[in-house]
Structures are given as structure tokens and as C-alpha cells.
Amino acid sequence: MLRSAVAQQDALIGVDEHVIDSQAFQQVLDEVRQRRDEFDSVSHVPRDMIERFKQVGIYRAATPKCYGGDALAPARFLQMIERISEADGSAGWVASFGSAGVYLAALPPETLAEIYADSPDLVFAGGLFPLQPAEAVEGGWQVNGTWKFASGCKGADLLGVGIGAAGGKPRTAVFRPDQVEIVENWDVVGLKGTGSHDLRVTDKRIDERWTFIRGGAATIDEPLFRYPSIAYAAQVLAVVNLGLARAALDEVSRMAGGGGITGAPKMADRAYVRIEIAKAEAKLSAARGFFYNATEQVWNSILAGNPVTPEQTSLLRLSAIHVSQAGAAVVQSAYSLAGTTAIYLRHPLQRYLRDSMVVTQHAFLSEGLYDGAGSVFLGVPPFPGYI
């Protein structure tokens, strides 16, 4: 079974210097499965679950080693998010922001030292858009505005908002949670548990040193912080659909031994089911292979001391778009194969279907980004901000 190949890759988790306790991680996965209905009902992943993620290293995965973090290789972290997403898409999405240290590394070193002074386990969330104009004041900015889609904001230690642009890349202002109002309005069809509410800041001054250009150069000289930060931000979201697709195919496999409500042969005895499930497995495995191969290729090049090229950044972005779309297509195939049974709201495939559709709607994963990848392949300038 292809499942064994997934297990072999998962075995790579924890071979780095900082070992993740596999038993503790499995316990967290079990708890996520047990509580996923709760996450949906309250429209966020509760803080006690965030603490459990901290305990297994999710929120120190991208903390610089010089501040006590793990600075995990990207593939290791992505595999962790894939596994969590298999248990619940919303939990995987919120856990994915354990990667935020990659773009926080553009903050000045003295600011980083301050935010990591108490612990390397830092939860950052933010609403970047719509970018809001901020008034330049001596040594900083005066900030007002409302921002959307702040996933995980109710469990965050720091919150960021977008206050302008520089060279096509937005500037982010970083606030403590007590300086920001969370406007609870997350009423959506899928990824309900992400708690992606609006953020509102009213007449707050922020020092320049608490702002950074998202996608800007890191002030930390460690390999992880030479990995393309915006491409990584897309990857950690796209990988949620790998987990959801795996969960959907496993659900069909569990259903295949039973007959339909009409008395038809069990699913496993129907040729069209066997054919379509094989196609779906192939699609998922191929997309997964491309995704992780691109990740390892760029990472190994960084470790060899090479600068990241525009072509490598584009490859990462393309692999993220592709795996997001392919994962959603696999979930749709699983839903179709399940027949009438899957239309009930409490059926697991309903959750996987709705969550996977929302993943593909993210701005970092839209089909329009294929244009940027095609531009790079053909040697013409891509649209601003793509690489």
C-alpha cells in the first residue's frame, strides 16, 4: 500500500538534533481527532490545545536555534502539519503557523531576543490584508484599521497586521494581544475551527523595531532563515490538503467492506470503485512526491551554501499550488465514491470536503499563481510579489 511509503517518510520526523517524542505526538493526534467537533463548534482551536502543540514542539519548530528553538528542516515540519491535518484540517492550519518564525526572523535581533526571552515556544498569528495606511511618527508608526483572516488569533502570543508595502511586499506591525481587538465573525463553510476572525487596532503606536517586511531578508544567519519565507508560508497551508486527502481515502477504505443502502454489492467488489480509488492514490502520491522533492531539493542546496534562485522559489510555490489542488480533487473523488451516505453533515467526508475547498481559496494557493510559475519557466518577469 502507498500508506507504507507515507509511514516511511513520517519516520524521518525526529531524526534532527532536537528529537520530537513520537508517542507524545501520537497522543496529540488522538486528542485532535476526539475534539475536532469542539473546534468547529467554538470556531477556534482552544488555548489548551495550543499548549499541547507547544509541548510537542510545533511552536518552536521555526524558532532560531540561537534563541533555543529547533529551526527544523522544512520537510520535517511539513510532515508534522500533514499528520495533524489528517486528524483535523483546522488544527493543522492553526499548527502550521509554527512556521511563522521564518518571516519573524526579519525583525531586528534585539526585538527577536525580547520576544523569545521567556520561551522559544511562540505562537504568532496575524491579519495581513487589507493593507491599512499607517501614519509615520518619530521612531515608528501610528496604526489604525481592521484586518481579515487572522487564523489562530485567539491562541496567539503575538499578533501582526499589515500596514503598508515596500517593493511589493507588505510591512507587518507586531502587537501584544492586549493591544488588539478580535472581532469574532468567522462564520464559514469549512475550516471552521481556525478561528480566522478579524483584527482591529485603534490608534496604537508601534516602534519601528516591532515591524518587518514580510518576505524581507532575515537578520538571523541560520539555514532555515535562508529558505524562501513566502514560499514556505504557502507550503505549510497547502500541506493541509495532503492530510485531508489521506483521511478521505482512508475513510473510503473503511467503508469499502460494507454494502450500500440499496443492497448493491459492497464497494470493494465494484470495479469502478477499485479503478477510481487507484487513480486517486496515484494522484495523491504523485503530488506528494513533487511537493517534498521540491522542498528537499531547495533545502539541500541551502545546506550546501548556495543562494536560493528565483527558479527554486517558483518551484516551491508551484508545488504548493499543485498539492493544494490535487489534494482537493482527491477528496472530491472520495466523496463521490462514497455515494449517498456522504451527504449527511456528520459524515467525516463532509468535513474533509468543505475543509479542502477552503484551502484552495487562499490567496497563496489560487490557480492564478500558475501564471507566475509559467512566467518563470518561460523566462519572463512574473507578477510582483510572486518570488
Protein backbone atom coordinates (compact mmCIF):
# COMPACT_ATOMS: atom_id res chain seq x y z
CA MET A 1 0.00 0.00 0.00
CA LEU A 2 1.09 3.59 -0.63
CA ARG A 3 0.31 4.15 3.03
CA SER A 4 3.58 2.41 3.91
CA ALA A 5 5.52 4.98 1.90
CA VAL A 6 3.86 7.71 3.95
CA ALA A 7 4.84 5.89 7.14
CA GLN A 8 8.45 5.68 5.96
CA GLN A 9 8.57 9.42 5.35
CA ASP A 10 6.93 10.07 8.70
CA ALA A 11 9.73 8.11 10.33
CA LEU A 12 12.02 10.97 9.31
CA ILE A 13 10.33 13.20 11.89
CA GLY A 14 12.59 13.48 14.89
CA VAL A 15 15.92 12.49 13.36
CA ASP A 16 17.23 16.02 13.76
CA GLU A 17 19.24 17.19 16.73
CA HIS A 18 16.05 18.04 18.63
CA VAL A 19 14.00 14.86 18.74
CA ILE A 20 10.23 15.02 18.80
CA ASP A 21 8.65 12.47 21.12
CA SER A 22 6.68 10.28 18.71
CA GLN A 23 4.48 8.87 21.46
CA ALA A 24 3.57 12.35 22.71
CA PHE A 25 2.90 13.46 19.14
CA GLN A 26 0.58 10.49 18.58
CA GLN A 27 -1.29 11.36 21.76
CA VAL A 28 -1.80 14.89 20.44
CA LEU A 29 -3.15 13.47 17.17
CA ASP A 30 -5.59 11.28 19.08
CA GLU A 31 -6.76 14.26 21.11
CA VAL A 32 -7.26 16.34 17.97
CA ARG A 33 -9.48 13.64 16.46
CA GLN A 34 -11.52 13.43 19.63
CA ARG A 35 -12.00 17.19 19.87
CA ARG A 36 -12.43 18.29 16.26
CA ASP A 37 -16.19 18.74 16.61
CA GLU A 38 -15.48 21.02 19.56
CA PHE A 39 -13.09 23.12 17.45
CA ASP A 40 -15.82 23.61 14.87
CA SER A 41 -18.49 24.44 17.44
CA VAL A 42 -16.44 27.16 19.18
CA SER A 43 -14.89 28.39 15.90
CA HIS A 44 -11.30 28.15 17.11
CA VAL A 45 -8.70 25.74 18.46
CA PRO A 46 -8.77 26.39 22.23
CA ARG A 47 -5.69 27.62 24.05
CA ASP A 48 -5.23 24.36 25.97
CA MET A 49 -4.85 22.55 22.63
CA ILE A 50 -2.36 25.20 21.52
CA GLU A 51 -0.42 24.41 24.71
CA ARG A 52 -0.39 20.74 23.71
CA PHE A 53 1.05 21.75 20.34
CA LYS A 54 3.73 23.71 22.15
CA GLN A 55 4.61 20.66 24.23
CA VAL A 56 5.40 18.56 21.16
CA GLY A 57 7.49 21.30 19.51
CA ILE A 58 5.13 22.76 16.92
CA TYR A 59 5.68 26.34 18.00
CA ARG A 60 9.44 26.15 18.39
CA ALA A 61 9.92 24.45 15.03
CA ALA A 62 10.87 27.73 13.31
CA THR A 63 12.40 29.50 16.30
CA PRO A 64 16.10 30.20 15.66
CA LYS A 65 18.47 27.83 17.39
CA CYS A 66 20.29 30.81 18.84
CA TYR A 67 17.10 31.54 20.83
CA GLY A 68 16.57 27.95 21.96
CA GLY A 69 14.40 26.82 19.06
CA ASP A 70 14.62 23.78 16.81
CA ALA A 71 14.76 25.52 13.39
CA LEU A 72 13.55 22.26 11.87
CA ALA A 73 14.22 21.36 8.26
CA PRO A 74 11.13 22.37 6.26
CA ALA A 75 10.21 18.82 5.25
CA ARG A 76 10.18 17.70 8.89
CA PHE A 77 7.79 20.45 9.87
CA LEU A 78 5.58 19.92 6.83
CA GLN A 79 5.23 16.24 7.66
CA MET A 80 4.06 17.15 11.15
CA ILE A 81 1.40 19.51 9.77
CA GLU A 82 0.32 16.87 7.27
CA ARG A 83 -0.25 14.37 10.10
CA ILE A 84 -2.17 16.88 12.22
CA SER A 85 -4.31 17.84 9.21
CA GLU A 86 -5.14 14.19 8.67
CA ALA A 87 -6.70 14.28 12.14
CA ASP A 88 -8.35 17.69 11.58
CA GLY A 89 -7.84 20.31 8.90
CA SER A 90 -8.47 23.28 11.19
CA ALA A 91 -5.97 22.03 13.75
CA GLY A 92 -3.40 21.50 11.01
CA TRP A 93 -3.99 25.01 9.67
CA VAL A 94 -3.53 26.60 13.10
CA ALA A 95 -0.49 24.43 13.85
CA SER A 96 1.03 25.47 10.53
CA PHE A 97 1.74 28.90 11.97
CA GLY A 98 4.50 27.26 13.93
CA SER A 99 6.43 28.20 10.78
CA ALA A 100 5.97 31.92 11.49
CA GLY A 101 9.46 32.26 12.92
CA VAL A 102 10.74 32.16 9.35
CA TYR A 103 9.32 35.55 8.47
CA LEU A 104 9.52 36.92 12.02
CA ALA A 105 13.26 36.48 11.53
CA ALA A 106 13.16 39.72 9.53
CA LEU A 107 12.67 41.58 12.83
CA PRO A 108 15.76 43.25 14.35
CA PRO A 109 17.87 40.92 16.56
CA GLU A 110 17.10 42.93 19.71
CA THR A 111 13.37 42.52 19.09
CA LEU A 112 13.77 38.79 18.50
CA ALA A 113 15.74 38.45 21.70
CA GLU A 114 12.89 40.16 23.56
CA ILE A 115 10.07 38.05 22.12
CA TYR A 116 11.95 34.79 22.76
CA ALA A 117 13.27 35.82 26.18
CA ASP A 118 10.73 33.78 28.13
CA SER A 119 10.36 30.78 25.82
CA PRO A 120 11.16 29.59 22.29
CA ASP A 121 7.55 28.35 22.03
CA LEU A 122 5.96 31.38 20.40
CA VAL A 123 2.53 31.50 18.74
CA PHE A 124 2.19 34.22 16.12
CA ALA A 125 -0.97 34.98 14.15
CA GLY A 126 -1.99 37.88 12.01
CA GLY A 127 -4.38 39.54 9.63
CA LEU A 128 -2.28 40.98 6.83
CA PHE A 129 -4.97 42.28 4.49
CA PRO A 130 -6.41 44.62 3.51
CA LEU A 131 -3.25 46.65 3.97
CA GLN A 132 -4.02 49.75 6.03
CA PRO A 133 -2.16 53.05 5.76
CA ALA A 134 -0.27 53.99 8.90
CA GLU A 135 0.95 57.42 9.91
CA ALA A 136 4.71 57.69 10.18
CA VAL A 137 5.71 59.13 13.56
CA GLU A 138 9.11 59.60 15.14
CA GLY A 139 10.68 56.17 15.54
CA GLY A 140 7.65 54.23 14.38
CA TRP A 141 4.06 54.21 13.18
CA GLN A 142 0.59 55.17 14.38
CA VAL A 143 -1.72 52.31 13.46
CA ASN A 144 -5.48 52.14 12.91
CA GLY A 145 -7.58 49.69 10.96
CA THR A 146 -9.31 46.34 10.62
CA TRP A 147 -7.80 43.24 9.05
CA LYS A 148 -9.32 39.93 7.97
CA PHE A 149 -8.47 36.22 8.20
CA ALA A 150 -6.37 36.15 11.38
CA SER A 151 -6.28 32.37 11.72
CA GLY A 152 -5.40 31.17 15.21
CA CYS A 153 -5.64 34.66 16.69
CA LYS A 154 -7.41 33.55 19.88
CA GLY A 155 -4.45 31.40 20.92
CA ALA A 156 -1.64 33.72 19.82
CA ASP A 157 1.14 35.25 21.90
CA LEU A 158 1.75 37.94 19.27
CA LEU A 159 -0.48 39.39 16.55
CA GLY A 160 0.58 41.03 13.31
CA VAL A 161 -1.27 43.42 10.98
CA GLY A 162 -0.39 44.74 7.53
CA ILE A 163 0.35 48.46 7.44
CA GLY A 164 1.79 49.17 4.04
CA ALA A 165 4.04 47.95 1.29
CA ALA A 166 7.70 48.20 0.35
CA GLY A 167 8.85 46.88 -3.01
CA GLY A 168 5.61 44.97 -3.43
CA LYS A 169 5.98 43.23 -0.07
CA PRO A 170 3.75 44.19 2.87
CA ARG A 171 5.05 45.58 6.14
CA THR A 172 3.78 43.83 9.26
CA ALA A 173 3.40 45.51 12.65
CA VAL A 174 3.64 43.14 15.63
CA PHE A 175 1.48 43.75 18.71
CA ARG A 176 0.80 42.06 22.03
CA PRO A 177 -2.71 40.54 22.17
CA ASP A 178 -3.96 43.08 24.72
CA GLN A 179 -3.34 45.84 22.16
CA VAL A 180 -5.61 44.26 19.54
CA GLU A 181 -9.36 43.66 19.44
CA ILE A 182 -10.56 40.36 17.97
CA VAL A 183 -13.80 40.84 16.04
CA GLU A 184 -15.46 37.43 16.15
CA ASN A 185 -17.09 36.95 12.76
CA TRP A 186 -15.74 33.61 11.48
CA ASP A 187 -18.91 32.01 10.07
CA VAL A 188 -17.83 29.85 7.15
CA VAL A 189 -18.43 26.57 5.34
CA GLY A 190 -15.08 24.91 6.10
CA LEU A 191 -12.01 25.16 8.32
CA LYS A 192 -14.40 26.43 10.97
CA GLY A 193 -12.01 25.68 13.80
CA THR A 194 -9.28 28.00 12.53
CA GLY A 195 -10.87 31.00 14.25
CA SER A 196 -9.86 33.29 11.38
CA HIS A 197 -11.59 36.32 12.85
CA ASP A 198 -10.93 39.98 12.05
CA LEU A 199 -8.42 42.05 13.99
CA ARG A 200 -8.94 45.70 14.90
CA VAL A 201 -6.31 48.17 16.12
CA THR A 202 -7.37 51.60 17.33
CA ASP A 203 -4.83 54.42 17.49
CA LYS A 204 -1.84 52.38 18.66
CA ARG A 205 1.75 53.49 18.28
CA ILE A 206 4.28 50.84 17.29
CA ASP A 207 8.07 51.25 17.29
CA GLU A 208 9.86 50.66 14.00
CA ARG A 209 11.74 47.75 15.56
CA TRP A 210 8.44 45.91 16.02
CA THR A 211 7.76 45.91 12.27
CA PHE A 212 9.20 43.87 9.43
CA ILE A 213 8.80 43.37 5.70
CA ARG A 214 7.12 40.03 5.15
CA GLY A 215 9.42 38.18 2.80
CA GLY A 216 12.27 40.51 3.72
CA ALA A 217 15.80 39.39 4.49
CA ALA A 218 16.27 37.60 7.80
CA THR A 219 18.53 39.05 10.47
CA ILE A 220 19.38 35.51 11.64
CA ASP A 221 22.15 33.59 9.90
CA GLU A 222 20.89 30.01 10.12
CA PRO A 223 19.96 27.72 7.20
CA LEU A 224 16.20 27.75 7.83
CA PHE A 225 16.12 31.53 7.51
CA ARG A 226 17.61 31.37 4.03
CA TYR A 227 14.66 29.25 2.88
CA PRO A 228 12.16 31.44 0.92
CA SER A 229 9.74 32.64 3.58
CA ILE A 230 6.69 33.41 1.42
CA ALA A 231 7.01 30.12 -0.44
CA TYR A 232 7.22 28.36 2.92
CA ALA A 233 4.12 30.21 4.13
CA ALA A 234 2.28 28.80 1.11
CA GLN A 235 3.64 25.30 1.65
CA VAL A 236 2.55 25.00 5.27
CA LEU A 237 -1.02 25.81 4.22
CA ALA A 238 -1.05 23.64 1.10
CA VAL A 239 0.10 20.57 3.03
CA VAL A 240 -3.20 20.64 4.94
CA ASN A 241 -4.83 19.22 1.82
CA LEU A 242 -2.39 16.32 1.78
CA GLY A 243 -3.59 15.35 5.23
CA LEU A 244 -7.26 15.82 4.35
CA ALA A 245 -6.88 13.77 1.16
CA ARG A 246 -5.21 10.95 3.09
CA ALA A 247 -8.01 10.99 5.65
CA ALA A 248 -10.65 10.92 2.90
CA LEU A 249 -9.11 7.93 1.13
CA ASP A 250 -8.76 6.08 4.41
CA GLU A 251 -12.43 6.73 5.11
CA VAL A 252 -13.44 5.21 1.76
CA SER A 253 -11.22 2.24 2.54
CA ARG A 254 -13.07 1.74 5.82
CA MET A 255 -16.41 1.98 4.03
CA ALA A 256 -15.45 -0.39 1.22
CA GLY A 257 -16.20 -3.56 3.14
CA GLY A 258 -19.88 -2.70 3.57
CA GLY A 259 -22.78 -2.74 1.14
CA GLY A 260 -24.91 0.19 0.03
CA ILE A 261 -28.35 1.04 1.39
CA THR A 262 -29.93 -0.30 -1.81
CA GLY A 263 -28.47 -3.76 -1.32
CA ALA A 264 -25.85 -3.27 -4.02
CA PRO A 265 -22.54 -5.16 -3.76
CA LYS A 266 -20.07 -3.81 -1.24
CA MET A 267 -17.85 -1.04 -2.56
CA ALA A 268 -14.72 -3.19 -2.68
CA ASP A 269 -16.47 -5.56 -5.12
CA ARG A 270 -17.29 -2.81 -7.63
CA ALA A 271 -14.75 -2.40 -10.41
CA TYR A 272 -15.34 1.33 -10.85
CA VAL A 273 -14.60 1.93 -7.15
CA ARG A 274 -11.34 -0.01 -7.37
CA ILE A 275 -10.32 1.89 -10.51
CA GLU A 276 -11.13 5.33 -9.13
CA ILE A 277 -9.52 4.70 -5.75
CA ALA A 278 -6.33 3.59 -7.53
CA LYS A 279 -6.36 6.76 -9.64
CA ALA A 280 -6.85 8.88 -6.53
CA GLU A 281 -3.98 7.16 -4.72
CA ALA A 282 -1.73 7.75 -7.72
CA LYS A 283 -2.73 11.42 -7.93
CA LEU A 284 -2.08 11.95 -4.24
CA SER A 285 1.24 10.11 -4.22
CA ALA A 286 2.49 11.97 -7.30
CA ALA A 287 1.56 15.37 -5.89
CA ARG A 288 3.09 14.50 -2.53
CA GLY A 289 6.31 13.33 -4.18
CA PHE A 290 6.64 16.54 -6.19
CA PHE A 291 5.94 18.64 -3.11
CA TYR A 292 8.51 17.00 -0.84
CA ASN A 293 11.10 16.53 -3.59
CA ALA A 294 10.99 20.27 -4.35
CA THR A 295 11.32 21.02 -0.64
CA GLU A 296 14.32 18.74 -0.17
CA GLN A 297 15.98 19.95 -3.36
CA VAL A 298 15.94 23.57 -2.24
CA TRP A 299 16.86 22.71 1.35
CA ASN A 300 19.85 20.60 0.34
CA SER A 301 21.04 23.40 -1.92
CA ILE A 302 20.84 25.84 1.01
CA LEU A 303 22.79 23.43 3.23
CA ALA A 304 25.44 23.26 0.51
CA GLY A 305 25.88 27.02 0.81
CA ASN A 306 24.13 28.06 -2.38
CA PRO A 307 21.88 31.11 -2.67
CA VAL A 308 18.25 30.39 -3.45
CA THR A 309 17.41 31.13 -7.07
CA PRO A 310 14.14 32.57 -8.44
CA GLU A 311 13.61 29.25 -10.21
CA GLN A 312 13.84 27.36 -6.91
CA THR A 313 11.42 29.73 -5.19
CA SER A 314 8.99 29.35 -8.06
CA LEU A 315 9.29 25.56 -7.89
CA LEU A 316 8.28 25.64 -4.22
CA ARG A 317 5.32 27.88 -4.97
CA LEU A 318 4.24 25.69 -7.88
CA SER A 319 4.45 22.53 -5.79
CA ALA A 320 2.29 24.19 -3.11
CA ILE A 321 -0.40 25.26 -5.58
CA HIS A 322 -0.37 21.82 -7.20
CA VAL A 323 -0.60 19.83 -3.98
CA SER A 324 -3.45 22.03 -2.76
CA GLN A 325 -5.43 21.47 -5.95
CA ALA A 326 -4.58 17.76 -6.20
CA GLY A 327 -5.50 17.14 -2.56
CA ALA A 328 -8.87 18.81 -3.03
CA ALA A 329 -9.51 16.75 -6.17
CA VAL A 330 -8.73 13.53 -4.28
CA VAL A 331 -11.15 14.47 -1.51
CA GLN A 332 -13.82 15.17 -4.13
CA SER A 333 -13.20 11.74 -5.68
CA ALA A 334 -13.53 10.06 -2.29
CA TYR A 335 -16.77 11.93 -1.61
CA SER A 336 -18.21 10.86 -4.97
CA LEU A 337 -17.28 7.22 -4.41
CA ALA A 338 -18.98 7.21 -1.01
CA GLY A 339 -22.39 7.88 -2.54
CA THR A 340 -25.47 8.99 -0.66
CA THR A 341 -24.03 8.09 2.73
CA ALA A 342 -21.60 11.02 2.48
CA ILE A 343 -24.30 13.70 2.22
CA TYR A 344 -25.02 13.63 5.96
CA LEU A 345 -23.46 16.56 7.78
CA ARG A 346 -22.00 14.30 10.48
CA HIS A 347 -20.20 12.10 7.96
CA PRO A 348 -16.39 12.61 8.05
CA LEU A 349 -16.22 13.12 4.29
CA GLN A 350 -18.39 16.22 4.64
CA ARG A 351 -15.75 17.77 6.88
CA TYR A 352 -12.88 16.81 4.58
CA LEU A 353 -14.72 18.11 1.51
CA ARG A 354 -15.57 21.50 3.00
CA ASP A 355 -12.15 22.00 4.58
CA SER A 356 -10.24 21.08 1.42
CA MET A 357 -12.28 23.53 -0.66
CA VAL A 358 -11.41 26.37 1.70
CA VAL A 359 -7.68 25.58 1.48
CA THR A 360 -7.72 26.13 -2.29
CA GLN A 361 -9.35 29.55 -1.84
CA HIS A 362 -6.36 31.01 0.00
CA ALA A 363 -4.61 33.81 -1.88
CA PHE A 364 -1.28 31.96 -1.70
CA LEU A 365 -2.80 28.90 -3.39
CA SER A 366 -5.12 30.28 -6.06
CA GLU A 367 -4.98 28.98 -9.62
CA GLY A 368 -3.91 32.43 -10.78
CA LEU A 369 -0.47 31.74 -9.30
CA TYR A 370 0.19 29.21 -12.05
CA ASP A 371 0.79 32.33 -14.17
CA GLY A 372 3.77 33.24 -12.01
CA ALA A 373 5.28 29.76 -12.32
CA GLY A 374 4.69 29.76 -16.07
CA SER A 375 6.37 33.14 -16.37
CA VAL A 376 9.49 31.88 -14.61
CA PHE A 377 9.59 28.75 -16.77
CA LEU A 378 9.38 30.88 -19.92
CA GLY A 379 11.95 33.40 -18.78
CA VAL A 380 9.67 36.42 -18.48
CA PRO A 381 9.18 38.50 -15.31
CA PRO A 382 6.40 37.16 -13.06
CA PHE A 383 3.89 39.48 -11.42
CA PRO A 384 5.22 41.49 -8.42
CA GLY A 385 5.46 39.61 -5.15
CA TYR A 386 5.49 36.12 -6.69
CA ILE A 387 9.17 35.48 -5.91
